[in-house]
């Protein structure tokens, strides 16, 4: 086996792992968050001062 082929296969497997991880993170259910995954539903506003007068 030639070094270029081995290097190419390592890069290919790493890219495949990276894409699979992104897909898995997007479709897996997240605890304490809504389905959109934007993060605004999990924000803690308890320490924000109330500005209503």
C-alpha atoms as a PDB file:
ATOM      1  CA  UNK A   1       0.000   0.000   0.000  1.00  0.00           C
ATOM      2  CA  UNK A   2       1.150   3.376  -0.816  1.00  0.00           C
ATOM      3  CA  UNK A   3       1.293   6.245   1.685  1.00  0.00           C
ATOM      4  CA  UNK A   4      -0.982   8.467  -0.407  1.00  0.00           C
ATOM      5  CA  UNK A   5      -3.761   5.868  -0.313  1.00  0.00           C
ATOM      6  CA  UNK A   6      -3.456   5.442   3.453  1.00  0.00           C
ATOM      7  CA  UNK A   7      -3.457   9.197   3.993  1.00  0.00           C
ATOM      8  CA  UNK A   8      -6.477   9.586   1.720  1.00  0.00           C
ATOM      9  CA  UNK A   9      -8.383   6.884   3.601  1.00  0.00           C
ATOM     10  CA  UNK A  10      -7.602   8.519   6.970  1.00  0.00           C
ATOM     11  CA  UNK A  11      -8.879  11.874   5.688  1.00  0.00           C
ATOM     12  CA  UNK A  12     -11.990  10.215   4.217  1.00  0.00           C
ATOM     13  CA  UNK A  13     -12.830   8.387   7.452  1.00  0.00           C
ATOM     14  CA  UNK A  14     -12.285  11.567   9.487  1.00  0.00           C
ATOM     15  CA  UNK A  15     -14.592  13.537   7.172  1.00  0.00           C
ATOM     16  CA  UNK A  16     -17.206  10.785   7.318  1.00  0.00           C
ATOM     17  CA  UNK A  17     -17.053  10.790  11.128  1.00  0.00           C
ATOM     18  CA  UNK A  18     -17.382  14.593  11.190  1.00  0.00           C
ATOM     19  CA  UNK A  19     -20.466  14.608   8.953  1.00  0.00           C
ATOM     20  CA  UNK A  20     -22.064  11.722  10.863  1.00  0.00           C
ATOM     21  CA  UNK A  21     -21.511  13.579  14.145  1.00  0.00           C
ATOM     22  CA  UNK A  22     -23.188  16.721  12.794  1.00  0.00           C
ATOM     23  CA  UNK A  23     -26.178  14.724  11.550  1.00  0.00           C
ATOM     24  CA  UNK A  24     -26.460  12.829  14.844  1.00  0.00           C
ATOM     25  CA  UNK A  25     -26.380  16.038  16.899  1.00  0.00           C
ATOM     26  CA  UNK A  26     -29.133  17.564  14.744  1.00  0.00           C
ATOM     27  CA  UNK A  27     -31.522  14.610  14.951  1.00  0.00           C
ATOM     28  CA  UNK A  28     -30.900  13.438  18.515  1.00  0.00           C
ATOM     29  CA  UNK A  29     -33.336  14.691  21.184  1.00  0.00           C
ATOM     30  CA  UNK A  30     -31.879  17.309  23.476  1.00  0.00           C
ATOM     31  CA  UNK A  31     -32.842  17.473  27.145  1.00  0.00           C
ATOM     32  CA  UNK A  32     -34.386  20.735  28.254  1.00  0.00           C
ATOM     33  CA  UNK A  33     -34.550  22.281  24.814  1.00  0.00           C
ATOM     34  CA  UNK A  34     -37.290  22.664  22.273  1.00  0.00           C
ATOM     35  CA  UNK A  35     -37.231  20.971  18.880  1.00  0.00           C
ATOM     36  CA  UNK A  36     -35.623  23.883  17.029  1.00  0.00           C
ATOM     37  CA  UNK A  37     -32.318  23.643  18.887  1.00  0.00           C
ATOM     38  CA  UNK A  38     -31.701  27.395  18.810  1.00  0.00           C
ATOM     39  CA  UNK A  39     -31.170  27.541  22.580  1.00  0.00           C
ATOM     40  CA  UNK A  40     -33.485  30.435  23.384  1.00  0.00           C
ATOM     41  CA  UNK A  41     -35.976  28.148  25.148  1.00  0.00           C
ATOM     42  CA  UNK A  42     -33.351  27.078  27.661  1.00  0.00           C
ATOM     43  CA  UNK A  43     -32.291  30.627  28.553  1.00  0.00           C
ATOM     44  CA  UNK A  44     -32.415  31.565  32.237  1.00  0.00           C
ATOM     45  CA  UNK A  45     -33.953  35.009  32.670  1.00  0.00           C
ATOM     46  CA  UNK A  46     -34.244  34.860  36.452  1.00  0.00           C
ATOM     47  CA  UNK A  47     -31.232  37.138  37.019  1.00  0.00           C
ATOM     48  CA  UNK A  48     -32.318  39.811  34.534  1.00  0.00           C
ATOM     49  CA  UNK A  49     -33.675  42.866  36.382  1.00  0.00           C
ATOM     50  CA  UNK A  50     -37.302  43.773  35.783  1.00  0.00           C
ATOM     51  CA  UNK A  51     -37.478  47.163  34.034  1.00  0.00           C
ATOM     52  CA  UNK A  52     -41.244  47.630  34.353  1.00  0.00           C
ATOM     53  CA  UNK A  53     -42.144  50.677  36.444  1.00  0.00           C
END
